[in-house]
Amino acid sequence: MTGDDDAGTRPALARRWARRRDQLRERPAADLVYRLTVGVVGLVVLGVGILAIPYPGPGWAIVFVGLAILATEFDWARRLLAFARKRYDAVMDWFKHQGLWVQVLGAVFTAAVVVGTLWLLGALAWAAELVGIEHRWLDSPIGIGG
């Protein structure tokens, strides 16, 4: 399939989806179920993204996907998505223009958050046990894991 074929398919697919969505709106019970499903799925994805933010990987991308899912049905999510994207871009631009020491400090802070949460969740003790290391200070202070 060439790029031109793909460009022609997307608008047709969007129109078909819009027609199906309009048909759901005509049936209040089906519309409610659909909106509840979108809300639950969007909130779950958003929650996972928020939990993943401090870890290396796509935490913010997951947050934006969750908000995008919610934004398909909810105006407040559409406004929040636009606001969050604008703020995120501004912060990332600022961070990129900072000196090396600020960037290193950001990396150290991120690493501390990751190690701290892994310790609280008992993952450090569990990983240490896998390689035959057992120290009490690795155990979670809240009694989880290990």
N, C-alpha and C. Protein backbone atom coordinates (compact mmCIF):
# COMPACT_ATOMS: atom_id res chain seq x y z
N MET A 1 0.85 -1.18 0.00
CA MET A 1 0.00 0.00 0.00
C MET A 1 0.89 1.23 0.00
N THR A 2 0.59 2.17 -0.84
CA THR A 2 1.40 3.38 -0.91
C THR A 2 0.87 4.41 0.07
N GLY A 3 1.63 5.47 0.26
CA GLY A 3 1.22 6.54 1.16
C GLY A 3 -0.07 7.19 0.71
N ASP A 4 -0.28 7.31 -0.62
CA ASP A 4 -1.51 7.92 -1.13
C ASP A 4 -2.72 7.08 -0.78
N ASP A 5 -2.58 5.75 -0.88
CA ASP A 5 -3.69 4.86 -0.53
C ASP A 5 -4.06 5.01 0.94
N ASP A 6 -3.04 5.10 1.79
CA ASP A 6 -3.27 5.23 3.23
C ASP A 6 -3.96 6.55 3.54
N ALA A 7 -3.57 7.62 2.86
CA ALA A 7 -4.17 8.93 3.10
C ALA A 7 -5.65 8.93 2.72
N GLY A 8 -6.02 8.19 1.69
CA GLY A 8 -7.42 8.12 1.29
C GLY A 8 -8.25 7.23 2.19
N THR A 9 -7.62 6.26 2.83
CA THR A 9 -8.32 5.32 3.70
C THR A 9 -8.67 5.95 5.04
N ARG A 10 -7.81 6.78 5.56
CA ARG A 10 -8.05 7.36 6.89
C ARG A 10 -9.32 8.19 6.96
N PRO A 11 -9.54 9.12 6.02
CA PRO A 11 -10.79 9.89 6.10
C PRO A 11 -12.03 9.00 5.97
N ALA A 12 -11.97 8.01 5.11
CA ALA A 12 -13.11 7.10 4.95
C ALA A 12 -13.37 6.33 6.24
N LEU A 13 -12.31 5.87 6.88
CA LEU A 13 -12.44 5.15 8.14
C LEU A 13 -13.01 6.08 9.22
N ALA A 14 -12.55 7.31 9.25
CA ALA A 14 -13.05 8.28 10.23
C ALA A 14 -14.54 8.55 10.01
N ARG A 15 -14.94 8.68 8.74
CA ARG A 15 -16.37 8.90 8.46
C ARG A 15 -17.21 7.70 8.88
N ARG A 16 -16.71 6.50 8.59
CA ARG A 16 -17.45 5.29 8.99
C ARG A 16 -17.59 5.24 10.51
N TRP A 17 -16.50 5.52 11.22
CA TRP A 17 -16.54 5.50 12.68
C TRP A 17 -17.51 6.56 13.20
N ALA A 18 -17.49 7.75 12.61
CA ALA A 18 -18.40 8.82 13.03
C ALA A 18 -19.86 8.41 12.85
N ARG A 19 -20.16 7.72 11.74
CA ARG A 19 -21.53 7.25 11.51
C ARG A 19 -21.93 6.23 12.58
N ARG A 20 -21.03 5.30 12.89
CA ARG A 20 -21.33 4.29 13.93
C ARG A 20 -21.51 4.95 15.29
N ARG A 21 -20.67 5.94 15.58
CA ARG A 21 -20.78 6.63 16.86
C ARG A 21 -22.11 7.39 16.94
N ASP A 22 -22.52 8.00 15.83
CA ASP A 22 -23.82 8.70 15.80
C ASP A 22 -24.97 7.72 16.03
N GLN A 23 -24.85 6.53 15.47
CA GLN A 23 -25.89 5.51 15.68
C GLN A 23 -25.97 5.13 17.16
N LEU A 24 -24.83 5.05 17.83
CA LEU A 24 -24.84 4.74 19.26
C LEU A 24 -25.51 5.86 20.06
N ARG A 25 -25.27 7.08 19.67
CA ARG A 25 -25.87 8.23 20.38
C ARG A 25 -27.39 8.19 20.30
N GLU A 26 -27.93 7.59 19.25
CA GLU A 26 -29.38 7.50 19.10
C GLU A 26 -29.99 6.48 20.05
N ARG A 27 -29.17 5.62 20.60
CA ARG A 27 -29.64 4.59 21.54
C ARG A 27 -29.05 4.91 22.92
N PRO A 28 -29.82 5.54 23.80
CA PRO A 28 -29.28 6.02 25.08
C PRO A 28 -28.59 4.96 25.92
N ALA A 29 -29.12 3.76 25.97
CA ALA A 29 -28.50 2.72 26.79
C ALA A 29 -27.14 2.31 26.21
N ALA A 30 -27.08 2.14 24.89
CA ALA A 30 -25.82 1.77 24.25
C ALA A 30 -24.81 2.91 24.37
N ASP A 31 -25.29 4.15 24.26
CA ASP A 31 -24.41 5.30 24.40
C ASP A 31 -23.82 5.37 25.80
N LEU A 32 -24.65 5.12 26.81
CA LEU A 32 -24.17 5.13 28.19
C LEU A 32 -23.12 4.05 28.41
N VAL A 33 -23.38 2.85 27.92
CA VAL A 33 -22.41 1.76 28.07
C VAL A 33 -21.10 2.10 27.37
N TYR A 34 -21.21 2.67 26.18
CA TYR A 34 -20.02 3.05 25.42
C TYR A 34 -19.21 4.11 26.18
N ARG A 35 -19.90 5.14 26.67
CA ARG A 35 -19.20 6.22 27.39
C ARG A 35 -18.58 5.70 28.68
N LEU A 36 -19.28 4.82 29.39
CA LEU A 36 -18.72 4.23 30.61
C LEU A 36 -17.48 3.39 30.29
N THR A 37 -17.56 2.63 29.21
CA THR A 37 -16.41 1.81 28.80
C THR A 37 -15.22 2.69 28.45
N VAL A 38 -15.45 3.72 27.67
CA VAL A 38 -14.37 4.65 27.31
C VAL A 38 -13.81 5.29 28.58
N GLY A 39 -14.68 5.68 29.51
CA GLY A 39 -14.24 6.29 30.76
C GLY A 39 -13.38 5.36 31.59
N VAL A 40 -13.82 4.13 31.74
CA VAL A 40 -13.06 3.17 32.55
C VAL A 40 -11.71 2.85 31.90
N VAL A 41 -11.74 2.55 30.60
CA VAL A 41 -10.49 2.22 29.90
C VAL A 41 -9.53 3.42 29.94
N GLY A 42 -10.05 4.60 29.67
CA GLY A 42 -9.21 5.79 29.69
C GLY A 42 -8.61 6.06 31.06
N LEU A 43 -9.41 5.91 32.12
CA LEU A 43 -8.90 6.13 33.48
C LEU A 43 -7.88 5.09 33.88
N VAL A 44 -8.07 3.84 33.47
CA VAL A 44 -7.08 2.79 33.78
C VAL A 44 -5.76 3.11 33.09
N VAL A 45 -5.82 3.44 31.80
CA VAL A 45 -4.59 3.77 31.05
C VAL A 45 -3.94 5.01 31.66
N LEU A 46 -4.73 6.02 31.99
CA LEU A 46 -4.20 7.23 32.61
C LEU A 46 -3.52 6.90 33.95
N GLY A 47 -4.16 6.07 34.76
CA GLY A 47 -3.58 5.68 36.05
C GLY A 47 -2.26 4.94 35.90
N VAL A 48 -2.21 4.01 34.95
CA VAL A 48 -0.96 3.29 34.70
C VAL A 48 0.13 4.27 34.26
N GLY A 49 -0.24 5.22 33.42
CA GLY A 49 0.73 6.22 32.96
C GLY A 49 1.25 7.07 34.10
N ILE A 50 0.35 7.49 34.99
CA ILE A 50 0.78 8.30 36.14
C ILE A 50 1.74 7.50 37.02
N LEU A 51 1.44 6.22 37.24
CA LEU A 51 2.35 5.39 38.03
C LEU A 51 3.70 5.20 37.34
N ALA A 52 3.70 5.22 36.02
CA ALA A 52 4.93 4.96 35.26
C ALA A 52 5.78 6.21 35.02
N ILE A 53 5.26 7.38 35.34
CA ILE A 53 5.99 8.62 35.04
C ILE A 53 7.42 8.62 35.59
N PRO A 54 7.65 8.27 36.85
CA PRO A 54 9.02 8.40 37.33
C PRO A 54 9.99 7.34 36.80
N TYR A 55 9.49 6.33 36.15
CA TYR A 55 10.35 5.24 35.69
C TYR A 55 10.84 5.50 34.27
N PRO A 56 12.00 4.96 33.95
CA PRO A 56 12.47 5.08 32.56
C PRO A 56 11.46 4.42 31.63
N GLY A 57 11.19 5.06 30.54
CA GLY A 57 10.22 4.51 29.59
C GLY A 57 9.13 5.50 29.28
N PRO A 58 8.03 4.99 28.77
CA PRO A 58 7.01 5.86 28.19
C PRO A 58 5.92 6.33 29.15
N GLY A 59 6.25 6.68 30.38
CA GLY A 59 5.23 7.08 31.34
C GLY A 59 4.35 8.22 30.86
N TRP A 60 4.97 9.30 30.37
CA TRP A 60 4.19 10.44 29.90
C TRP A 60 3.40 10.09 28.65
N ALA A 61 3.98 9.26 27.79
CA ALA A 61 3.25 8.85 26.58
C ALA A 61 1.98 8.09 26.96
N ILE A 62 2.07 7.25 27.98
CA ILE A 62 0.90 6.49 28.44
C ILE A 62 -0.14 7.44 29.02
N VAL A 63 0.31 8.46 29.76
CA VAL A 63 -0.62 9.46 30.29
C VAL A 63 -1.37 10.14 29.15
N PHE A 64 -0.63 10.54 28.12
CA PHE A 64 -1.26 11.23 26.99
C PHE A 64 -2.21 10.30 26.23
N VAL A 65 -1.87 9.02 26.13
CA VAL A 65 -2.78 8.07 25.48
C VAL A 65 -4.07 7.94 26.30
N GLY A 66 -3.93 7.83 27.63
CA GLY A 66 -5.12 7.75 28.48
C GLY A 66 -6.00 8.97 28.35
N LEU A 67 -5.38 10.15 28.34
CA LEU A 67 -6.16 11.38 28.16
C LEU A 67 -6.79 11.44 26.77
N ALA A 68 -6.07 10.95 25.75
CA ALA A 68 -6.63 10.94 24.40
C ALA A 68 -7.83 10.02 24.30
N ILE A 69 -7.77 8.88 24.98
CA ILE A 69 -8.92 7.97 25.01
C ILE A 69 -10.11 8.68 25.65
N LEU A 70 -9.88 9.32 26.78
CA LEU A 70 -10.96 10.04 27.46
C LEU A 70 -11.47 11.21 26.63
N ALA A 71 -10.55 11.87 25.91
CA ALA A 71 -10.92 13.04 25.12
C ALA A 71 -11.84 12.70 23.95
N THR A 72 -11.91 11.43 23.58
CA THR A 72 -12.83 11.06 22.49
C THR A 72 -14.28 11.23 22.92
N GLU A 73 -14.54 11.25 24.22
CA GLU A 73 -15.92 11.35 24.70
C GLU A 73 -16.17 12.46 25.69
N PHE A 74 -15.13 13.02 26.29
CA PHE A 74 -15.32 13.97 27.37
C PHE A 74 -14.58 15.28 27.08
N ASP A 75 -15.31 16.39 27.11
CA ASP A 75 -14.71 17.70 26.83
C ASP A 75 -13.65 18.08 27.85
N TRP A 76 -13.89 17.77 29.15
CA TRP A 76 -12.91 18.12 30.17
C TRP A 76 -11.57 17.44 29.88
N ALA A 77 -11.60 16.20 29.36
CA ALA A 77 -10.37 15.48 29.04
C ALA A 77 -9.68 16.11 27.83
N ARG A 78 -10.47 16.58 26.88
CA ARG A 78 -9.90 17.24 25.71
C ARG A 78 -9.15 18.51 26.13
N ARG A 79 -9.76 19.28 27.02
CA ARG A 79 -9.11 20.51 27.50
C ARG A 79 -7.87 20.17 28.34
N LEU A 80 -7.98 19.17 29.19
CA LEU A 80 -6.84 18.76 30.02
C LEU A 80 -5.69 18.23 29.17
N LEU A 81 -6.00 17.49 28.13
CA LEU A 81 -4.97 16.97 27.22
C LEU A 81 -4.22 18.12 26.55
N ALA A 82 -4.96 19.11 26.06
CA ALA A 82 -4.30 20.26 25.42
C ALA A 82 -3.43 21.01 26.42
N PHE A 83 -3.94 21.22 27.63
CA PHE A 83 -3.18 21.91 28.67
C PHE A 83 -1.93 21.12 29.04
N ALA A 84 -2.07 19.81 29.27
CA ALA A 84 -0.94 18.98 29.69
C ALA A 84 0.13 18.90 28.61
N ARG A 85 -0.28 18.78 27.36
CA ARG A 85 0.71 18.73 26.26
C ARG A 85 1.49 20.03 26.19
N LYS A 86 0.79 21.15 26.32
CA LYS A 86 1.46 22.45 26.26
C LYS A 86 2.45 22.60 27.41
N ARG A 87 2.04 22.26 28.61
CA ARG A 87 2.92 22.36 29.78
C ARG A 87 4.10 21.40 29.68
N TYR A 88 3.84 20.17 29.25
CA TYR A 88 4.90 19.17 29.11
C TYR A 88 5.95 19.66 28.11
N ASP A 89 5.49 20.16 26.96
CA ASP A 89 6.43 20.66 25.95
C ASP A 89 7.25 21.82 26.49
N ALA A 90 6.62 22.72 27.24
CA ALA A 90 7.34 23.86 27.81
C ALA A 90 8.39 23.40 28.82
N VAL A 91 8.04 22.47 29.68
CA VAL A 91 8.99 21.97 30.67
C VAL A 91 10.15 21.23 30.00
N MET A 92 9.86 20.42 29.00
CA MET A 92 10.92 19.70 28.30
C MET A 92 11.84 20.65 27.54
N ASP A 93 11.28 21.70 26.94
CA ASP A 93 12.11 22.72 26.29
C ASP A 93 13.02 23.41 27.30
N TRP A 94 12.45 23.76 28.45
CA TRP A 94 13.24 24.39 29.51
C TRP A 94 14.36 23.46 29.96
N PHE A 95 14.01 22.20 30.21
CA PHE A 95 14.98 21.23 30.71
C PHE A 95 16.14 21.03 29.72
N LYS A 96 15.83 20.97 28.45
CA LYS A 96 16.86 20.77 27.42
C LYS A 96 17.83 21.94 27.35
N HIS A 97 17.37 23.14 27.72
CA HIS A 97 18.22 24.32 27.64
C HIS A 97 18.98 24.61 28.94
N GLN A 98 18.85 23.74 29.92
CA GLN A 98 19.55 23.93 31.18
C GLN A 98 20.96 23.37 31.08
N GLY A 99 21.76 23.75 32.04
CA GLY A 99 23.13 23.27 32.08
C GLY A 99 23.19 21.78 32.41
N LEU A 100 24.37 21.25 32.23
CA LEU A 100 24.58 19.82 32.48
C LEU A 100 24.25 19.44 33.91
N TRP A 101 24.57 20.31 34.87
CA TRP A 101 24.33 19.97 36.27
C TRP A 101 22.85 19.81 36.57
N VAL A 102 21.98 20.60 35.94
CA VAL A 102 20.53 20.46 36.15
C VAL A 102 20.04 19.15 35.53
N GLN A 103 20.56 18.80 34.37
CA GLN A 103 20.17 17.55 33.73
C GLN A 103 20.65 16.35 34.54
N VAL A 104 21.87 16.43 35.08
CA VAL A 104 22.38 15.34 35.93
C VAL A 104 21.55 15.24 37.20
N LEU A 105 21.22 16.38 37.79
CA LEU A 105 20.38 16.38 38.99
C LEU A 105 19.02 15.76 38.70
N GLY A 106 18.45 16.06 37.53
CA GLY A 106 17.18 15.44 37.13
C GLY A 106 17.30 13.94 37.00
N ALA A 107 18.40 13.46 36.42
CA ALA A 107 18.62 12.01 36.28
C ALA A 107 18.80 11.36 37.65
N VAL A 108 19.55 12.02 38.55
CA VAL A 108 19.76 11.47 39.90
C VAL A 108 18.44 11.42 40.66
N PHE A 109 17.63 12.46 40.55
CA PHE A 109 16.33 12.48 41.21
C PHE A 109 15.44 11.36 40.68
N THR A 110 15.42 11.18 39.37
CA THR A 110 14.63 10.11 38.76
C THR A 110 15.11 8.75 39.26
N ALA A 111 16.41 8.54 39.29
CA ALA A 111 16.95 7.27 39.78
C ALA A 111 16.59 7.04 41.25
N ALA A 112 16.62 8.09 42.06
CA ALA A 112 16.27 7.96 43.47
C ALA A 112 14.79 7.58 43.64
N VAL A 113 13.93 8.17 42.83
CA VAL A 113 12.50 7.83 42.90
C VAL A 113 12.28 6.38 42.50
N VAL A 114 12.97 5.93 41.44
CA VAL A 114 12.82 4.56 40.98
C VAL A 114 13.31 3.58 42.06
N VAL A 115 14.49 3.79 42.59
CA VAL A 115 15.05 2.90 43.61
C VAL A 115 14.18 2.93 44.86
N GLY A 116 13.72 4.13 45.24
CA GLY A 116 12.87 4.24 46.44
C GLY A 116 11.56 3.49 46.30
N THR A 117 10.92 3.62 45.17
CA THR A 117 9.64 2.90 45.01
C THR A 117 9.85 1.40 44.88
N LEU A 118 10.93 1.00 44.21
CA LEU A 118 11.22 -0.44 44.14
C LEU A 118 11.51 -1.01 45.52
N TRP A 119 12.18 -0.24 46.36
CA TRP A 119 12.46 -0.67 47.73
C TRP A 119 11.16 -0.76 48.52
N LEU A 120 10.30 0.28 48.42
CA LEU A 120 9.03 0.25 49.14
C LEU A 120 8.15 -0.93 48.71
N LEU A 121 8.20 -1.27 47.44
CA LEU A 121 7.37 -2.37 46.94
C LEU A 121 8.01 -3.74 47.14
N GLY A 122 9.21 -3.78 47.70
CA GLY A 122 9.86 -5.05 47.99
C GLY A 122 10.58 -5.66 46.80
N ALA A 123 10.67 -4.94 45.71
CA ALA A 123 11.30 -5.50 44.51
C ALA A 123 12.81 -5.62 44.67
N LEU A 124 13.43 -4.74 45.45
CA LEU A 124 14.89 -4.84 45.66
C LEU A 124 15.24 -6.12 46.41
N ALA A 125 14.50 -6.43 47.47
CA ALA A 125 14.75 -7.65 48.23
C ALA A 125 14.51 -8.88 47.37
N TRP A 126 13.46 -8.86 46.57
CA TRP A 126 13.15 -9.99 45.69
C TRP A 126 14.26 -10.20 44.67
N ALA A 127 14.72 -9.12 44.04
CA ALA A 127 15.79 -9.23 43.04
C ALA A 127 17.09 -9.69 43.70
N ALA A 128 17.36 -9.20 44.90
CA ALA A 128 18.58 -9.61 45.61
C ALA A 128 18.53 -11.10 45.95
N GLU A 129 17.36 -11.59 46.34
CA GLU A 129 17.22 -13.02 46.65
C GLU A 129 17.47 -13.89 45.42
N LEU A 130 17.12 -13.38 44.24
CA LEU A 130 17.36 -14.14 43.01
C LEU A 130 18.84 -14.42 42.79
N VAL A 131 19.69 -13.50 43.23
CA VAL A 131 21.13 -13.68 43.04
C VAL A 131 21.83 -14.09 44.33
N GLY A 132 21.06 -14.48 45.34
CA GLY A 132 21.62 -15.02 46.57
C GLY A 132 22.08 -13.99 47.58
N ILE A 133 21.58 -12.79 47.51
CA ILE A 133 21.93 -11.74 48.48
C ILE A 133 20.74 -11.52 49.40
N GLU A 134 20.99 -11.60 50.70
CA GLU A 134 19.91 -11.36 51.65
C GLU A 134 20.39 -10.39 52.72
N HIS A 135 19.86 -9.19 52.70
CA HIS A 135 20.14 -8.17 53.70
C HIS A 135 18.82 -7.60 54.18
N ARG A 136 18.72 -7.41 55.50
CA ARG A 136 17.47 -6.89 56.06
C ARG A 136 17.14 -5.49 55.55
N TRP A 137 18.13 -4.67 55.28
CA TRP A 137 17.86 -3.30 54.86
C TRP A 137 17.23 -3.24 53.47
N LEU A 138 17.31 -4.35 52.72
CA LEU A 138 16.65 -4.40 51.41
C LEU A 138 15.15 -4.65 51.52
N ASP A 139 14.71 -5.18 52.67
CA ASP A 139 13.29 -5.49 52.85
C ASP A 139 12.45 -4.21 52.87
N SER A 140 11.26 -4.32 52.33
CA SER A 140 10.34 -3.19 52.29
C SER A 140 9.96 -2.76 53.70
N PRO A 141 10.00 -1.47 54.01
CA PRO A 141 9.60 -1.00 55.35
C PRO A 141 8.10 -1.10 55.58
N ILE A 142 7.33 -1.30 54.52
CA ILE A 142 5.88 -1.42 54.69
C ILE A 142 5.40 -2.86 54.55
N GLY A 143 6.35 -3.79 54.47
CA GLY A 143 6.00 -5.21 54.49
C GLY A 143 5.46 -5.79 53.20
N ILE A 144 5.77 -5.17 52.07
CA ILE A 144 5.31 -5.68 50.80
C ILE A 144 6.44 -6.43 50.11
N GLY A 145 6.10 -7.48 49.40
CA GLY A 145 7.09 -8.18 48.57
C GLY A 145 8.09 -8.95 49.39
N GLY A 146 9.22 -9.26 48.72
CA GLY A 146 10.34 -9.94 49.33
C GLY A 146 9.95 -11.21 49.94
